[in-house]
Amino acid sequence: FSIGETRPLRGPRRRDIGHGALAEKALRPMIPDEDKFPYALRLVSEILESNGSTSMASVCGSSLALMDAGVPILNPVSGIAMGLIKGKDDKFVILKDIQGIEDFYGDMDFKVAGTKNGITALQMDMKIKGINLDIIKQALEKAREGRLFILDKMLEVIPEPRKSLSKSAPKITTFKIPREKIGEVIGPGGKNIKRIKEEFELDEIDISDYNGEGMVSIISSNDVNIKMARKSIEGMLKGIEDIKVGEEFMGTVVGITSYGAFVNLIPGVDGLLHISKVTNKRIKDVKDYLKIGDKILVRVGNIDSRTKKIGLERADI
């Protein structure tokens, strides 16, 4: 939009692709690893009017957009375009944050992007045969001053990434499991995965080999369902010797007595949810609150060191 060219709509131009590649290179090192933030990102920067560096504006604007969207970037990135006017007697002047006319008549367009800790991307265009080391040093130092000034202004608007994503964004949780357990979790013909997906009304669940470990990704619009599905998968991997006080499980009620309910935590391991722990008020009959087959989130309250019997409490009330 900003350069006034009239042309057919045939996809992005060389300028669009080049500026996008530079902005992406500047921002990519700050994007968290997939196991910490398993989302695909699409950043669109549309410059409506320009009298300066559109690529560096894209870097700054995209950095702000990522933080506003709740993407936990490692550090915000700012950028600046540096210029040069060089005389015949080797005297020169370094220009900061060059405008269009300075770019047109100047000898250099040197784009520098980075964080408070260092540079993440560089690009230089020159109209002269070359520049010496002194010019490079001064340009980088003045660029650092300019970048940090711009960064301070950005942080006045939004000092850090928002703590959570938009409510309309899909919720994704990823966690690792032992590689040798992938088949056990998937089950024959995907039986276990299909059951978990249907039981907890998930949008998708995926298990893959990631850097020599099993990576589980759970996608749903409901945070509670994601949490319950994760507990169910983690429970499949445990033996009784692995269970610790304070751990939570998505259990299944398998028995009801006058003094409580027995809840299956993992295959072959049950715990007792005492009648006093069924709800947060005094009750007379467990059957008024639970029935066989109910899925409930429970927490291990105690484990008898001699008998290995497990006492449970509700974790969802």
C-alpha atoms as a PDB file:
ATOM      1  CA  PHE A   1       0.000   0.000   0.000  1.00  0.00           C
ATOM      2  CA  SER A   2       2.793   2.397   0.882  1.00  0.00           C
ATOM      3  CA  ILE A   3       4.708   2.679  -2.405  1.00  0.00           C
ATOM      4  CA  GLY A   4       1.937   3.742  -4.793  1.00  0.00           C
ATOM      5  CA  GLU A   5       2.526   1.050  -7.411  1.00  0.00           C
ATOM      6  CA  THR A   6      -0.370  -0.066  -9.590  1.00  0.00           C
ATOM      7  CA  ARG A   7      -0.081  -3.695 -10.636  1.00  0.00           C
ATOM      8  CA  PRO A   8      -2.124  -6.867 -11.142  1.00  0.00           C
ATOM      9  CA  LEU A   9      -2.877  -8.974  -8.058  1.00  0.00           C
ATOM     10  CA  ARG A  10      -0.510 -11.853  -8.773  1.00  0.00           C
ATOM     11  CA  GLY A  11       0.795 -12.665  -5.337  1.00  0.00           C
ATOM     12  CA  PRO A  12       3.591 -11.095  -3.305  1.00  0.00           C
ATOM     13  CA  ARG A  13       6.347  -9.083  -4.961  1.00  0.00           C
ATOM     14  CA  ARG A  14      10.082  -9.459  -4.466  1.00  0.00           C
ATOM     15  CA  ARG A  15       9.952  -6.538  -2.023  1.00  0.00           C
ATOM     16  CA  ASP A  16       7.175  -8.174   0.021  1.00  0.00           C
ATOM     17  CA  ILE A  17       9.019 -11.485   0.181  1.00  0.00           C
ATOM     18  CA  GLY A  18      12.345  -9.879   1.083  1.00  0.00           C
ATOM     19  CA  HIS A  19      10.930  -7.689   3.836  1.00  0.00           C
ATOM     20  CA  GLY A  20       8.939 -10.594   5.230  1.00  0.00           C
ATOM     21  CA  ALA A  21      12.016 -12.815   5.279  1.00  0.00           C
ATOM     22  CA  LEU A  22      14.031 -10.156   7.132  1.00  0.00           C
ATOM     23  CA  ALA A  23      11.309  -9.590   9.735  1.00  0.00           C
ATOM     24  CA  GLU A  24      10.908 -13.342  10.227  1.00  0.00           C
ATOM     25  CA  LYS A  25      14.654 -13.784  10.687  1.00  0.00           C
ATOM     26  CA  ALA A  26      14.656 -11.022  13.311  1.00  0.00           C
ATOM     27  CA  LEU A  27      11.782 -12.545  15.304  1.00  0.00           C
ATOM     28  CA  ARG A  28      12.273 -16.297  14.907  1.00  0.00           C
ATOM     29  CA  PRO A  29      14.998 -16.702  17.594  1.00  0.00           C
ATOM     30  CA  MET A  30      12.561 -15.276  20.168  1.00  0.00           C
ATOM     31  CA  ILE A  31       9.761 -17.768  19.437  1.00  0.00           C
ATOM     32  CA  PRO A  32       9.552 -20.519  22.106  1.00  0.00           C
ATOM     33  CA  ASP A  33      10.304 -24.120  21.161  1.00  0.00           C
ATOM     34  CA  GLU A  34       7.429 -26.268  19.952  1.00  0.00           C
ATOM     35  CA  ASP A  35       7.304 -28.286  23.173  1.00  0.00           C
ATOM     36  CA  LYS A  36       6.692 -25.050  25.135  1.00  0.00           C
ATOM     37  CA  PHE A  37       4.383 -23.276  22.660  1.00  0.00           C
ATOM     38  CA  PRO A  38       2.909 -25.743  20.140  1.00  0.00           C
ATOM     39  CA  TYR A  39       1.091 -23.225  17.950  1.00  0.00           C
ATOM     40  CA  ALA A  40       1.487 -22.252  14.299  1.00  0.00           C
ATOM     41  CA  LEU A  41       1.849 -18.477  13.942  1.00  0.00           C
ATOM     42  CA  ARG A  42       0.753 -16.261  11.061  1.00  0.00           C
ATOM     43  CA  LEU A  43       1.906 -12.659  11.233  1.00  0.00           C
ATOM     44  CA  VAL A  44       0.616 -10.139   8.696  1.00  0.00           C
ATOM     45  CA  SER A  45       2.152  -6.660   8.468  1.00  0.00           C
ATOM     46  CA  GLU A  46       0.408  -4.204   6.147  1.00  0.00           C
ATOM     47  CA  ILE A  47       2.081  -0.807   5.785  1.00  0.00           C
ATOM     48  CA  LEU A  48      -0.488   1.779   4.704  1.00  0.00           C
ATOM     49  CA  GLU A  49       1.911   4.720   4.457  1.00  0.00           C
ATOM     50  CA  SER A  50       5.669   4.988   4.722  1.00  0.00           C
ATOM     51  CA  ASN A  51       8.455   7.517   5.064  1.00  0.00           C
ATOM     52  CA  GLY A  52      10.952   5.151   6.624  1.00  0.00           C
ATOM     53  CA  SER A  53      11.843   1.485   6.905  1.00  0.00           C
ATOM     54  CA  THR A  54       8.761  -0.682   6.396  1.00  0.00           C
ATOM     55  CA  SER A  55      10.686  -3.854   7.278  1.00  0.00           C
ATOM     56  CA  MET A  56      11.849  -2.469  10.634  1.00  0.00           C
ATOM     57  CA  ALA A  57       8.336  -1.170  11.309  1.00  0.00           C
ATOM     58  CA  SER A  58       7.134  -4.724  10.639  1.00  0.00           C
ATOM     59  CA  VAL A  59       9.633  -6.086  13.171  1.00  0.00           C
ATOM     60  CA  CYS A  60       8.504  -3.661  15.888  1.00  0.00           C
ATOM     61  CA  GLY A  61       4.795  -4.031  15.122  1.00  0.00           C
ATOM     62  CA  SER A  62       4.996  -7.822  14.948  1.00  0.00           C
ATOM     63  CA  SER A  63       6.839  -7.973  18.265  1.00  0.00           C
ATOM     64  CA  LEU A  64       4.069  -5.922  19.892  1.00  0.00           C
ATOM     65  CA  ALA A  65       1.395  -8.068  18.219  1.00  0.00           C
ATOM     66  CA  LEU A  66       2.960 -11.294  19.513  1.00  0.00           C
ATOM     67  CA  MET A  67       3.056  -9.973  23.075  1.00  0.00           C
ATOM     68  CA  ASP A  68      -0.508  -8.677  22.815  1.00  0.00           C
ATOM     69  CA  ALA A  69      -1.656 -12.102  21.580  1.00  0.00           C
ATOM     70  CA  GLY A  70      -0.082 -13.809  24.590  1.00  0.00           C
ATOM     71  CA  VAL A  71       2.767 -15.511  22.726  1.00  0.00           C
ATOM     72  CA  PRO A  72       5.508 -15.991  25.367  1.00  0.00           C
ATOM     73  CA  ILE A  73       8.377 -14.615  23.269  1.00  0.00           C
ATOM     74  CA  LEU A  74      11.761 -14.766  24.983  1.00  0.00           C
ATOM     75  CA  ASN A  75      12.457 -11.043  24.467  1.00  0.00           C
ATOM     76  CA  PRO A  76      10.799  -8.246  22.457  1.00  0.00           C
ATOM     77  CA  VAL A  77      12.581  -7.218  19.249  1.00  0.00           C
ATOM     78  CA  SER A  78      12.980  -3.728  17.798  1.00  0.00           C
ATOM     79  CA  GLY A  79      14.633  -2.586  14.589  1.00  0.00           C
ATOM     80  CA  ILE A  80      16.044   0.520  12.960  1.00  0.00           C
ATOM     81  CA  ALA A  81      17.400   1.506   9.534  1.00  0.00           C
ATOM     82  CA  MET A  82      20.736   3.329   9.474  1.00  0.00           C
ATOM     83  CA  GLY A  83      21.980   5.547   6.647  1.00  0.00           C
ATOM     84  CA  LEU A  84      25.291   6.976   5.443  1.00  0.00           C
ATOM     85  CA  ILE A  85      26.456  10.132   3.682  1.00  0.00           C
ATOM     86  CA  LYS A  86      30.074   9.774   2.569  1.00  0.00           C
ATOM     87  CA  GLY A  87      32.221  12.528   1.049  1.00  0.00           C
ATOM     88  CA  LYS A  88      35.103  12.275  -1.387  1.00  0.00           C
ATOM     89  CA  ASP A  89      37.603  13.029   1.389  1.00  0.00           C
ATOM     90  CA  ASP A  90      36.493   9.920   3.354  1.00  0.00           C
ATOM     91  CA  LYS A  91      34.519  12.013   5.824  1.00  0.00           C
ATOM     92  CA  PHE A  92      31.157  10.497   6.615  1.00  0.00           C
ATOM     93  CA  VAL A  93      27.994  10.954   8.641  1.00  0.00           C
ATOM     94  CA  ILE A  94      25.892   8.103  10.044  1.00  0.00           C
ATOM     95  CA  LEU A  95      22.133   8.712   9.917  1.00  0.00           C
ATOM     96  CA  LYS A  96      19.626   7.132  12.321  1.00  0.00           C
ATOM     97  CA  ASP A  97      16.151   5.908  11.396  1.00  0.00           C
ATOM     98  CA  ILE A  98      16.421   7.168   7.833  1.00  0.00           C
ATOM     99  CA  GLN A  99      13.486   8.641   5.932  1.00  0.00           C
ATOM    100  CA  GLY A 100      12.683   8.020   2.288  1.00  0.00           C
ATOM    101  CA  ILE A 101      14.674  10.971   0.962  1.00  0.00           C
ATOM    102  CA  GLU A 102      17.716   9.986   3.058  1.00  0.00           C
ATOM    103  CA  ASP A 103      17.492   6.472   1.665  1.00  0.00           C
ATOM    104  CA  PHE A 104      17.200   7.803  -1.904  1.00  0.00           C
ATOM    105  CA  TYR A 105      20.135  10.230  -1.742  1.00  0.00           C
ATOM    106  CA  GLY A 106      22.239   8.371   0.827  1.00  0.00           C
ATOM    107  CA  ASP A 107      24.975   5.797   0.289  1.00  0.00           C
ATOM    108  CA  MET A 108      23.757   3.020   2.587  1.00  0.00           C
ATOM    109  CA  ASP A 109      20.590   1.415   3.932  1.00  0.00           C
ATOM    110  CA  PHE A 110      21.663  -0.704   6.910  1.00  0.00           C
ATOM    111  CA  LYS A 111      18.846  -2.455   8.769  1.00  0.00           C
ATOM    112  CA  VAL A 112      19.600  -3.730  12.282  1.00  0.00           C
ATOM    113  CA  ALA A 113      17.117  -5.648  14.453  1.00  0.00           C
ATOM    114  CA  GLY A 114      17.535  -7.242  17.851  1.00  0.00           C
ATOM    115  CA  THR A 115      16.706  -7.393  21.538  1.00  0.00           C
ATOM    116  CA  LYS A 116      18.219  -5.636  24.534  1.00  0.00           C
ATOM    117  CA  ASN A 117      20.817  -8.431  24.587  1.00  0.00           C
ATOM    118  CA  GLY A 118      22.007  -8.401  20.998  1.00  0.00           C
ATOM    119  CA  ILE A 119      21.335  -8.465  17.263  1.00  0.00           C
ATOM    120  CA  THR A 120      19.059 -11.035  15.619  1.00  0.00           C
ATOM    121  CA  ALA A 121      19.089  -9.826  11.989  1.00  0.00           C
ATOM    122  CA  LEU A 122      21.094  -7.555   9.668  1.00  0.00           C
ATOM    123  CA  GLN A 123      20.647  -6.398   6.085  1.00  0.00           C
ATOM    124  CA  MET A 124      22.710  -3.861   4.151  1.00  0.00           C
ATOM    125  CA  ASP A 125      22.272  -2.193   0.753  1.00  0.00           C
ATOM    126  CA  MET A 126      25.047   0.092  -0.544  1.00  0.00           C
ATOM    127  CA  LYS A 127      25.428   2.481  -3.459  1.00  0.00           C
ATOM    128  CA  ILE A 128      29.197   2.815  -3.052  1.00  0.00           C
ATOM    129  CA  LYS A 129      31.962   0.273  -3.582  1.00  0.00           C
ATOM    130  CA  GLY A 130      32.554  -0.452   0.073  1.00  0.00           C
ATOM    131  CA  ILE A 131      32.811   0.837   3.626  1.00  0.00           C
ATOM    132  CA  ASN A 132      35.555   0.607   6.218  1.00  0.00           C
ATOM    133  CA  LEU A 133      35.483  -0.931   9.686  1.00  0.00           C
ATOM    134  CA  ASP A 134      35.104   2.453  11.389  1.00  0.00           C
ATOM    135  CA  ILE A 135      31.827   3.065   9.547  1.00  0.00           C
ATOM    136  CA  ILE A 136      30.567  -0.379  10.562  1.00  0.00           C
ATOM    137  CA  LYS A 137      31.461   0.196  14.218  1.00  0.00           C
ATOM    138  CA  GLN A 138      29.785   3.590  14.381  1.00  0.00           C
ATOM    139  CA  ALA A 139      26.708   2.373  12.506  1.00  0.00           C
ATOM    140  CA  LEU A 140      26.240  -0.599  14.839  1.00  0.00           C
ATOM    141  CA  GLU A 141      26.738   1.508  17.972  1.00  0.00           C
ATOM    142  CA  LYS A 142      24.276   4.179  16.839  1.00  0.00           C
ATOM    143  CA  ALA A 143      21.865   1.423  15.782  1.00  0.00           C
ATOM    144  CA  ARG A 144      22.088  -0.067  19.282  1.00  0.00           C
ATOM    145  CA  GLU A 145      21.222   3.311  20.814  1.00  0.00           C
ATOM    146  CA  GLY A 146      18.292   3.699  18.432  1.00  0.00           C
ATOM    147  CA  ARG A 147      17.007   0.147  18.921  1.00  0.00           C
ATOM    148  CA  LEU A 148      17.026   0.478  22.695  1.00  0.00           C
ATOM    149  CA  PHE A 149      15.237   3.842  22.504  1.00  0.00           C
ATOM    150  CA  ILE A 150      12.519   2.335  20.292  1.00  0.00           C
ATOM    151  CA  LEU A 151      12.331  -0.732  22.532  1.00  0.00           C
ATOM    152  CA  ASP A 152      11.728   1.455  25.593  1.00  0.00           C
ATOM    153  CA  LYS A 153       8.827   3.140  23.788  1.00  0.00           C
ATOM    154  CA  MET A 154       7.393  -0.257  22.842  1.00  0.00           C
ATOM    155  CA  LEU A 155       7.606  -1.508  26.422  1.00  0.00           C
ATOM    156  CA  GLU A 156       5.715   1.557  27.633  1.00  0.00           C
ATOM    157  CA  VAL A 157       2.754   0.229  25.634  1.00  0.00           C
ATOM    158  CA  ILE A 158       3.006  -3.433  26.656  1.00  0.00           C
ATOM    159  CA  PRO A 159       5.868  -4.374  29.002  1.00  0.00           C
ATOM    160  CA  GLU A 160       5.579  -8.160  28.643  1.00  0.00           C
ATOM    161  CA  PRO A 161       3.533 -10.838  26.855  1.00  0.00           C
ATOM    162  CA  ARG A 162       0.004 -11.252  28.148  1.00  0.00           C
ATOM    163  CA  LYS A 163      -0.339 -14.115  30.612  1.00  0.00           C
ATOM    164  CA  SER A 164      -2.890 -16.022  28.546  1.00  0.00           C
ATOM    165  CA  LEU A 165      -4.008 -16.435  24.966  1.00  0.00           C
ATOM    166  CA  SER A 166      -7.239 -15.041  23.589  1.00  0.00           C
ATOM    167  CA  LYS A 167     -10.367 -16.884  24.719  1.00  0.00           C
ATOM    168  CA  SER A 168     -11.093 -17.674  21.068  1.00  0.00           C
ATOM    169  CA  ALA A 169      -7.718 -19.383  20.554  1.00  0.00           C
ATOM    170  CA  PRO A 170      -7.669 -23.187  20.710  1.00  0.00           C
ATOM    171  CA  LYS A 171      -6.173 -24.569  23.912  1.00  0.00           C
ATOM    172  CA  ILE A 172      -3.163 -26.817  23.377  1.00  0.00           C
ATOM    173  CA  THR A 173      -1.199 -28.723  25.994  1.00  0.00           C
ATOM    174  CA  THR A 174       1.952 -30.665  25.200  1.00  0.00           C
ATOM    175  CA  PHE A 175       3.955 -32.962  27.437  1.00  0.00           C
ATOM    176  CA  LYS A 176       6.557 -35.667  27.057  1.00  0.00           C
ATOM    177  CA  ILE A 177       6.302 -39.387  27.703  1.00  0.00           C
ATOM    178  CA  PRO A 178       8.968 -42.108  27.390  1.00  0.00           C
ATOM    179  CA  ARG A 179       9.463 -43.047  23.759  1.00  0.00           C
ATOM    180  CA  GLU A 180       8.970 -46.740  24.518  1.00  0.00           C
ATOM    181  CA  LYS A 181       5.518 -45.964  25.974  1.00  0.00           C
ATOM    182  CA  ILE A 182       4.112 -44.409  22.778  1.00  0.00           C
ATOM    183  CA  GLY A 183       2.603 -47.670  21.541  1.00  0.00           C
ATOM    184  CA  GLU A 184       1.136 -48.451  24.956  1.00  0.00           C
ATOM    185  CA  VAL A 185      -0.622 -45.088  25.123  1.00  0.00           C
ATOM    186  CA  ILE A 186      -1.926 -45.285  21.542  1.00  0.00           C
ATOM    187  CA  GLY A 187      -3.208 -48.829  22.049  1.00  0.00           C
ATOM    188  CA  PRO A 188      -4.001 -51.484  19.421  1.00  0.00           C
ATOM    189  CA  GLY A 189      -5.436 -49.783  16.352  1.00  0.00           C
ATOM    190  CA  GLY A 190      -5.453 -46.469  18.229  1.00  0.00           C
ATOM    191  CA  LYS A 191      -7.999 -47.823  20.724  1.00  0.00           C
ATOM    192  CA  ASN A 192      -6.765 -45.861  23.746  1.00  0.00           C
ATOM    193  CA  ILE A 193      -6.379 -42.572  21.896  1.00  0.00           C
ATOM    194  CA  LYS A 194      -9.849 -42.852  20.350  1.00  0.00           C
ATOM    195  CA  ARG A 195     -11.357 -43.606  23.762  1.00  0.00           C
ATOM    196  CA  ILE A 196      -9.665 -40.622  25.421  1.00  0.00           C
ATOM    197  CA  LYS A 197     -10.653 -38.296  22.563  1.00  0.00           C
ATOM    198  CA  GLU A 198     -14.312 -39.306  22.796  1.00  0.00           C
ATOM    199  CA  GLU A 199     -14.436 -39.506  26.591  1.00  0.00           C
ATOM    200  CA  PHE A 200     -13.084 -35.992  27.138  1.00  0.00           C
ATOM    201  CA  GLU A 201     -14.570 -34.424  23.975  1.00  0.00           C
ATOM    202  CA  LEU A 202     -11.210 -33.350  22.568  1.00  0.00           C
ATOM    203  CA  ASP A 203     -10.758 -31.661  19.200  1.00  0.00           C
ATOM    204  CA  GLU A 204      -7.569 -33.606  18.557  1.00  0.00           C
ATOM    205  CA  ILE A 205      -4.911 -35.657  20.292  1.00  0.00           C
ATOM    206  CA  ASP A 206      -1.588 -36.524  18.706  1.00  0.00           C
ATOM    207  CA  ILE A 207       1.429 -38.546  19.824  1.00  0.00           C
ATOM    208  CA  SER A 208       4.688 -38.340  17.892  1.00  0.00           C
ATOM    209  CA  ASP A 209       8.407 -38.987  18.219  1.00  0.00           C
ATOM    210  CA  TYR A 210      10.077 -35.649  19.030  1.00  0.00           C
ATOM    211  CA  ASN A 211      13.854 -35.538  19.531  1.00  0.00           C
ATOM    212  CA  GLY A 212      13.928 -39.103  20.809  1.00  0.00           C
ATOM    213  CA  GLU A 213      10.992 -38.675  23.201  1.00  0.00           C
ATOM    214  CA  GLY A 214       7.262 -39.147  22.924  1.00  0.00           C
ATOM    215  CA  MET A 215       5.448 -35.824  22.503  1.00  0.00           C
ATOM    216  CA  VAL A 216       1.734 -35.728  23.327  1.00  0.00           C
ATOM    217  CA  SER A 217      -0.365 -32.807  22.047  1.00  0.00           C
ATOM    218  CA  ILE A 218      -3.928 -32.342  23.297  1.00  0.00           C
ATOM    219  CA  ILE A 219      -6.213 -29.782  21.628  1.00  0.00           C
ATOM    220  CA  SER A 220      -9.592 -28.668  22.941  1.00  0.00           C
ATOM    221  CA  SER A 221     -11.577 -25.510  23.596  1.00  0.00           C
ATOM    222  CA  ASN A 222     -12.109 -26.685  27.187  1.00  0.00           C
ATOM    223  CA  ASP A 223      -9.224 -26.355  29.673  1.00  0.00           C
ATOM    224  CA  VAL A 224     -10.809 -28.786  32.144  1.00  0.00           C
ATOM    225  CA  ASN A 225     -11.149 -31.519  29.515  1.00  0.00           C
ATOM    226  CA  ILE A 226      -7.499 -31.073  28.533  1.00  0.00           C
ATOM    227  CA  LYS A 227      -6.424 -31.405  32.152  1.00  0.00           C
ATOM    228  CA  MET A 228      -8.513 -34.549  32.660  1.00  0.00           C
ATOM    229  CA  ALA A 229      -7.234 -36.137  29.435  1.00  0.00           C
ATOM    230  CA  ARG A 230      -3.642 -35.466  30.464  1.00  0.00           C
ATOM    231  CA  LYS A 231      -4.219 -37.029  33.878  1.00  0.00           C
ATOM    232  CA  SER A 232      -5.712 -40.074  32.178  1.00  0.00           C
ATOM    233  CA  ILE A 233      -2.680 -40.527  29.903  1.00  0.00           C
ATOM    234  CA  GLU A 234      -0.177 -39.963  32.699  1.00  0.00           C
ATOM    235  CA  GLY A 235      -2.041 -42.495  34.813  1.00  0.00           C
ATOM    236  CA  MET A 236      -1.612 -45.130  32.087  1.00  0.00           C
ATOM    237  CA  LEU A 237       2.163 -44.861  32.465  1.00  0.00           C
ATOM    238  CA  LYS A 238       2.359 -45.358  36.217  1.00  0.00           C
ATOM    239  CA  GLY A 239       2.728 -48.349  38.490  1.00  0.00           C
ATOM    240  CA  ILE A 240       1.751 -48.309  42.177  1.00  0.00           C
ATOM    241  CA  GLU A 241       5.382 -47.659  43.140  1.00  0.00           C
ATOM    242  CA  ASP A 242       5.303 -44.446  41.059  1.00  0.00           C
ATOM    243  CA  ILE A 243       2.285 -42.936  42.807  1.00  0.00           C
ATOM    244  CA  LYS A 244       3.119 -40.080  45.182  1.00  0.00           C
ATOM    245  CA  VAL A 245       1.119 -38.148  47.769  1.00  0.00           C
ATOM    246  CA  GLY A 246      -0.295 -34.989  46.186  1.00  0.00           C
ATOM    247  CA  GLU A 247      -0.551 -36.418  42.665  1.00  0.00           C
ATOM    248  CA  GLU A 248      -3.838 -36.006  40.820  1.00  0.00           C
ATOM    249  CA  PHE A 249      -5.597 -38.635  38.718  1.00  0.00           C
ATOM    250  CA  MET A 250      -8.664 -38.734  36.533  1.00  0.00           C
ATOM    251  CA  GLY A 251     -10.160 -41.835  38.138  1.00  0.00           C
ATOM    252  CA  THR A 252     -13.188 -44.032  37.557  1.00  0.00           C
ATOM    253  CA  VAL A 253     -15.575 -44.964  40.355  1.00  0.00           C
ATOM    254  CA  VAL A 254     -15.531 -48.781  40.509  1.00  0.00           C
ATOM    255  CA  GLY A 255     -17.206 -49.448  43.854  1.00  0.00           C
ATOM    256  CA  ILE A 256     -19.453 -47.732  46.400  1.00  0.00           C
ATOM    257  CA  THR A 257     -19.779 -48.632  50.078  1.00  0.00           C
ATOM    258  CA  SER A 258     -21.374 -47.087  53.146  1.00  0.00           C
ATOM    259  CA  TYR A 259     -18.049 -45.477  54.059  1.00  0.00           C
ATOM    260  CA  GLY A 260     -16.913 -44.180  50.679  1.00  0.00           C
ATOM    261  CA  ALA A 261     -16.131 -44.953  47.048  1.00  0.00           C
ATOM    262  CA  PHE A 262     -13.349 -46.956  45.469  1.00  0.00           C
ATOM    263  CA  VAL A 263     -11.753 -45.166  42.538  1.00  0.00           C
ATOM    264  CA  ASN A 264      -9.542 -46.807  39.931  1.00  0.00           C
ATOM    265  CA  LEU A 265      -6.443 -44.662  39.356  1.00  0.00           C
ATOM    266  CA  ILE A 266      -4.419 -46.799  36.954  1.00  0.00           C
ATOM    267  CA  PRO A 267      -4.878 -50.375  35.745  1.00  0.00           C
ATOM    268  CA  GLY A 268      -4.846 -52.609  38.823  1.00  0.00           C
ATOM    269  CA  VAL A 269      -4.601 -49.791  41.388  1.00  0.00           C
ATOM    270  CA  ASP A 270      -7.604 -48.421  43.313  1.00  0.00           C
ATOM    271  CA  GLY A 271      -7.865 -45.884  46.107  1.00  0.00           C
ATOM    272  CA  LEU A 272     -10.531 -45.120  48.694  1.00  0.00           C
ATOM    273  CA  LEU A 273     -12.385 -41.835  48.596  1.00  0.00           C
ATOM    274  CA  HIS A 274     -13.801 -41.668  52.124  1.00  0.00           C
ATOM    275  CA  ILE A 275     -17.380 -40.453  52.554  1.00  0.00           C
ATOM    276  CA  SER A 276     -16.045 -37.358  54.330  1.00  0.00           C
ATOM    277  CA  LYS A 277     -14.026 -36.475  51.205  1.00  0.00           C
ATOM    278  CA  VAL A 278     -16.765 -36.982  48.598  1.00  0.00           C
ATOM    279  CA  THR A 279     -17.941 -33.384  48.828  1.00  0.00           C
ATOM    280  CA  ASN A 280     -17.265 -30.328  50.941  1.00  0.00           C
ATOM    281  CA  LYS A 281     -20.296 -30.892  53.163  1.00  0.00           C
ATOM    282  CA  ARG A 282     -21.518 -33.667  55.447  1.00  0.00           C
ATOM    283  CA  ILE A 283     -23.448 -36.391  53.582  1.00  0.00           C
ATOM    284  CA  LYS A 284     -25.305 -39.553  54.571  1.00  0.00           C
ATOM    285  CA  ASP A 285     -25.155 -41.625  51.393  1.00  0.00           C
ATOM    286  CA  VAL A 286     -22.340 -41.682  48.831  1.00  0.00           C
ATOM    287  CA  LYS A 287     -24.808 -42.864  46.170  1.00  0.00           C
ATOM    288  CA  ASP A 288     -26.496 -39.469  46.268  1.00  0.00           C
ATOM    289  CA  TYR A 289     -23.321 -37.968  44.785  1.00  0.00           C
ATOM    290  CA  LEU A 290     -21.495 -40.721  42.900  1.00  0.00           C
ATOM    291  CA  LYS A 291     -22.328 -43.775  40.841  1.00  0.00           C
ATOM    292  CA  ILE A 292     -20.340 -46.600  39.285  1.00  0.00           C
ATOM    293  CA  GLY A 293     -18.552 -45.418  36.145  1.00  0.00           C
ATOM    294  CA  ASP A 294     -18.319 -41.732  37.109  1.00  0.00           C
ATOM    295  CA  LYS A 295     -15.093 -39.988  36.100  1.00  0.00           C
ATOM    296  CA  ILE A 296     -13.767 -37.770  38.883  1.00  0.00           C
ATOM    297  CA  LEU A 297     -10.556 -35.865  39.478  1.00  0.00           C
ATOM    298  CA  VAL A 298      -8.942 -37.087  42.712  1.00  0.00           C
ATOM    299  CA  ARG A 299      -5.767 -36.320  44.626  1.00  0.00           C
ATOM    300  CA  VAL A 300      -3.686 -38.809  46.600  1.00  0.00           C
ATOM    301  CA  GLY A 301      -4.046 -37.758  50.233  1.00  0.00           C
ATOM    302  CA  ASN A 302      -2.057 -40.528  51.911  1.00  0.00           C
ATOM    303  CA  ILE A 303      -0.459 -43.912  51.268  1.00  0.00           C
ATOM    304  CA  ASP A 304      -0.194 -46.474  54.059  1.00  0.00           C
ATOM    305  CA  SER A 305       3.482 -47.429  54.224  1.00  0.00           C
ATOM    306  CA  ARG A 306       2.695 -51.007  55.337  1.00  0.00           C
ATOM    307  CA  THR A 307      -0.415 -51.990  53.389  1.00  0.00           C
ATOM    308  CA  LYS A 308       0.109 -49.592  50.435  1.00  0.00           C
ATOM    309  CA  LYS A 309      -3.565 -48.636  50.650  1.00  0.00           C
ATOM    310  CA  ILE A 310      -4.263 -45.267  49.065  1.00  0.00           C
ATOM    311  CA  GLY A 311      -6.486 -42.592  50.588  1.00  0.00           C
ATOM    312  CA  LEU A 312      -7.993 -40.086  48.172  1.00  0.00           C
ATOM    313  CA  GLU A 313      -9.619 -36.667  48.242  1.00  0.00           C
ATOM    314  CA  ARG A 314     -11.518 -34.731  45.597  1.00  0.00           C
ATOM    315  CA  ALA A 315      -9.353 -32.414  43.497  1.00  0.00           C
ATOM    316  CA  ASP A 316     -12.201 -30.858  41.517  1.00  0.00           C
ATOM    317  CA  ILE A 317     -14.208 -29.225  44.316  1.00  0.00           C
END
